[in-house]
């Protein structure tokens, strides 16, 4: 009967754990027509998924102001998972996490009709410490990955490993009765 308190405690810790991670799941509209690939400015925050289904990049995000990252080479109609992580050394909160689709006004000479679209992930990093956090920027890791079968593709290998390990332990336990062996130790 110890299994019920164990799962109750596990559910409590999972629900109330605080980590330096925020995430968002978003779907790119089927009608999304991406902007042509301009020459990328090195100062412009950008994550490209060209030729892959996941990408990880580190940015220096400003504290107490909005930060937008352009996401390129997204497949229309696909669902993506974006994860924002930072170290505990930088006491910040991520607020206003969201995404937006904006027309590329430069492509049509400032006109928005039939302008190609650009996809942005945006958030605000607010200081959350006393005394006040004094650094102007903080390093933030941003991971974007496609979702297949409702799971981000970077977790597929972990799920397969855990399934195989559980199956292996089950098979070994059926042949060697591990509980009886370890009970007498």
Protein backbone atom coordinates (compact mmCIF):
# COMPACT_ATOMS: atom_id res chain seq x y z
CA UNK A 1 0.00 0.00 0.00
CA UNK A 2 3.01 2.30 -0.15
CA UNK A 3 2.48 2.82 -3.84
CA UNK A 4 -0.42 5.28 -3.38
CA UNK A 5 1.59 7.76 -1.23
CA UNK A 6 4.52 7.40 -3.63
CA UNK A 7 2.45 8.41 -6.66
CA UNK A 8 0.73 11.18 -4.68
CA UNK A 9 4.13 12.61 -3.72
CA UNK A 10 5.40 12.22 -7.27
CA UNK A 11 2.38 14.06 -8.68
CA UNK A 12 2.85 16.82 -6.09
CA UNK A 13 6.51 17.33 -6.97
CA UNK A 14 5.86 17.26 -10.70
CA UNK A 15 3.05 19.82 -10.45
CA UNK A 16 4.87 22.21 -8.15
CA UNK A 17 8.45 21.97 -9.33
CA UNK A 18 9.98 25.25 -10.36
CA UNK A 19 12.64 25.21 -13.02
CA UNK A 20 14.43 27.74 -15.15
CA UNK A 21 12.53 26.63 -18.23
CA UNK A 22 9.53 27.98 -20.10
CA UNK A 23 7.98 26.35 -23.13
CA UNK A 24 5.33 26.94 -25.74
CA UNK A 25 3.69 24.74 -28.36
CA UNK A 26 2.56 26.45 -31.55
CA UNK A 27 1.21 25.46 -34.93
CA UNK A 28 2.28 27.19 -38.12
CA UNK A 29 -0.85 28.01 -40.15
CA UNK A 30 -1.43 26.02 -43.35
CA UNK A 31 -1.65 29.30 -45.27
CA UNK A 32 1.74 30.52 -44.03
CA UNK A 33 3.82 31.76 -46.97
CA UNK A 34 7.33 32.44 -45.69
CA UNK A 35 9.31 35.49 -46.72
CA UNK A 36 12.18 34.97 -49.17
CA UNK A 37 15.51 34.39 -47.47
CA UNK A 38 17.19 37.79 -47.18
CA UNK A 39 20.83 38.12 -46.26
CA UNK A 40 20.84 37.58 -42.51
CA UNK A 41 22.10 40.37 -40.30
CA UNK A 42 24.44 38.96 -37.65
CA UNK A 43 22.84 41.14 -34.98
CA UNK A 44 19.33 39.92 -35.80
CA UNK A 45 18.22 37.02 -33.57
CA UNK A 46 17.39 34.14 -35.88
CA UNK A 47 16.83 30.38 -35.64
CA UNK A 48 16.67 28.41 -38.88
CA UNK A 49 15.31 24.88 -39.18
CA UNK A 50 16.61 24.40 -42.71
CA UNK A 51 17.35 20.72 -43.34
CA UNK A 52 16.54 19.66 -39.77
CA UNK A 53 13.58 19.31 -37.44
CA UNK A 54 15.23 20.79 -34.34
CA UNK A 55 17.62 23.62 -33.55
CA UNK A 56 19.27 25.05 -30.44
CA UNK A 57 20.82 28.49 -30.16
CA UNK A 58 22.04 30.77 -27.36
CA UNK A 59 21.17 34.48 -27.33
CA UNK A 60 22.00 37.37 -25.03
CA UNK A 61 18.48 38.57 -24.21
CA UNK A 62 17.98 42.07 -22.80
CA UNK A 63 16.49 42.33 -19.31
CA UNK A 64 13.19 44.22 -18.89
CA UNK A 65 12.43 44.57 -22.59
CA UNK A 66 10.72 42.56 -25.32
CA UNK A 67 12.95 40.15 -27.26
CA UNK A 68 11.90 38.74 -30.64
CA UNK A 69 13.57 35.82 -32.42
CA UNK A 70 12.73 35.12 -36.03
CA UNK A 71 12.06 31.47 -36.82
CA UNK A 72 12.82 30.52 -40.42
CA UNK A 73 12.26 27.45 -42.56
CA UNK A 74 9.17 26.33 -40.66
CA UNK A 75 6.88 23.94 -42.51
CA UNK A 76 3.32 25.25 -42.92
CA UNK A 77 0.82 23.10 -41.02
CA UNK A 78 3.41 21.59 -38.66
CA UNK A 79 3.37 21.87 -34.87
CA UNK A 80 6.51 22.99 -33.05
CA UNK A 81 7.74 23.01 -29.46
CA UNK A 82 9.93 25.91 -28.29
CA UNK A 83 11.79 25.75 -24.98
CA UNK A 84 13.55 28.67 -23.30
CA UNK A 85 16.16 27.85 -20.62
CA UNK A 86 18.47 29.98 -18.49
CA UNK A 87 20.84 29.41 -15.58
CA UNK A 88 19.94 29.87 -11.92
CA UNK A 89 22.80 32.37 -11.67
CA UNK A 90 20.59 34.85 -13.56
CA UNK A 91 17.48 35.47 -11.41
CA UNK A 92 14.91 36.34 -14.06
CA UNK A 93 11.32 35.51 -14.95
CA UNK A 94 10.16 34.97 -18.51
CA UNK A 95 6.87 36.73 -19.15
CA UNK A 96 4.75 37.44 -22.21
CA UNK A 97 5.93 34.28 -23.97
CA UNK A 98 4.20 34.00 -27.31
CA UNK A 99 4.55 34.03 -31.05
CA UNK A 100 3.48 36.34 -33.83
CA UNK A 101 3.30 36.35 -37.59
CA UNK A 102 4.21 39.66 -39.17
CA UNK A 103 4.24 40.71 -42.81
CA UNK A 104 7.64 41.48 -44.33
CA UNK A 105 7.08 45.11 -45.32
CA UNK A 106 10.49 45.39 -46.95
CA UNK A 107 9.56 42.80 -49.59
CA UNK A 108 6.74 44.90 -51.09
CA UNK A 109 8.07 48.41 -50.66
CA UNK A 110 6.19 49.05 -47.41
CA UNK A 111 2.83 47.63 -48.53
CA UNK A 112 1.24 44.83 -46.54
CA UNK A 113 -1.06 43.40 -49.21
CA UNK A 114 0.26 40.02 -50.38
CA UNK A 115 3.46 40.55 -48.42
CA UNK A 116 5.30 37.37 -47.41
CA UNK A 117 5.16 36.54 -43.72
CA UNK A 118 7.78 36.23 -40.98
CA UNK A 119 7.32 34.08 -37.86
CA UNK A 120 8.58 35.43 -34.51
CA UNK A 121 8.93 33.92 -31.04
CA UNK A 122 8.79 36.69 -28.43
CA UNK A 123 9.20 36.99 -24.68
CA UNK A 124 10.26 39.41 -21.99
CA UNK A 125 12.93 38.67 -19.38
CA UNK A 126 12.16 40.50 -16.12
CA UNK A 127 14.57 40.64 -13.21
CA UNK A 128 13.37 38.73 -10.16
CA UNK A 129 15.77 39.35 -7.31
CA UNK A 130 16.57 41.57 -4.39
CA UNK A 131 18.77 43.55 -4.71
CA UNK A 132 17.80 44.28 -8.27
CA UNK A 133 19.54 42.37 -11.02
CA UNK A 134 22.06 44.71 -12.65
CA UNK A 135 23.19 42.90 -15.81
CA UNK A 136 21.77 44.38 -19.03
CA UNK A 137 21.57 40.99 -20.80
CA UNK A 138 21.37 37.32 -19.82
CA UNK A 139 22.36 34.26 -21.87
CA UNK A 140 19.29 32.25 -22.81
CA UNK A 141 19.18 28.91 -24.67
CA UNK A 142 16.29 28.56 -27.09
CA UNK A 143 15.42 25.18 -28.55
CA UNK A 144 12.84 24.74 -31.31
CA UNK A 145 11.82 21.26 -32.43
CA UNK A 146 9.08 19.77 -34.56
CA UNK A 147 6.47 17.58 -32.92
CA UNK A 148 5.65 14.14 -34.24
CA UNK A 149 2.96 11.96 -32.65
CA UNK A 150 2.41 14.75 -30.10
CA UNK A 151 5.98 14.52 -28.76
CA UNK A 152 8.95 16.79 -29.59
CA UNK A 153 11.39 14.93 -31.84
CA UNK A 154 14.31 15.49 -29.47
CA UNK A 155 12.50 13.35 -26.85
CA UNK A 156 11.87 10.36 -29.13
CA UNK A 157 15.28 8.81 -28.41
CA UNK A 158 14.75 9.21 -24.65
CA UNK A 159 11.32 7.57 -24.80
CA UNK A 160 12.66 4.66 -26.86
CA UNK A 161 15.58 4.18 -24.43
CA UNK A 162 13.28 4.19 -21.39
CA UNK A 163 10.91 1.71 -23.05
CA UNK A 164 13.74 -0.67 -23.96
CA UNK A 165 15.29 -0.40 -20.49
CA UNK A 166 11.95 -1.13 -18.81
CA UNK A 167 11.39 -4.12 -21.10
CA UNK A 168 14.90 -5.42 -20.41
CA UNK A 169 14.42 -5.15 -16.64
CA UNK A 170 11.05 -6.92 -16.94
CA UNK A 171 12.61 -9.80 -18.92
CA UNK A 172 15.57 -10.13 -16.53
CA UNK A 173 13.22 -10.08 -13.54
CA UNK A 174 11.13 -12.92 -15.01
CA UNK A 175 14.21 -15.13 -15.37
CA UNK A 176 16.19 -14.25 -12.24
CA UNK A 177 13.53 -13.12 -9.68
CA UNK A 178 15.43 -9.96 -8.73
CA UNK A 179 13.14 -9.12 -5.82
CA UNK A 180 13.94 -12.38 -4.02
CA UNK A 181 17.67 -11.99 -4.67
CA UNK A 182 17.85 -8.42 -3.33
CA UNK A 183 15.48 -9.09 -0.41
CA UNK A 184 18.07 -11.29 1.28
CA UNK A 185 21.02 -8.95 0.76
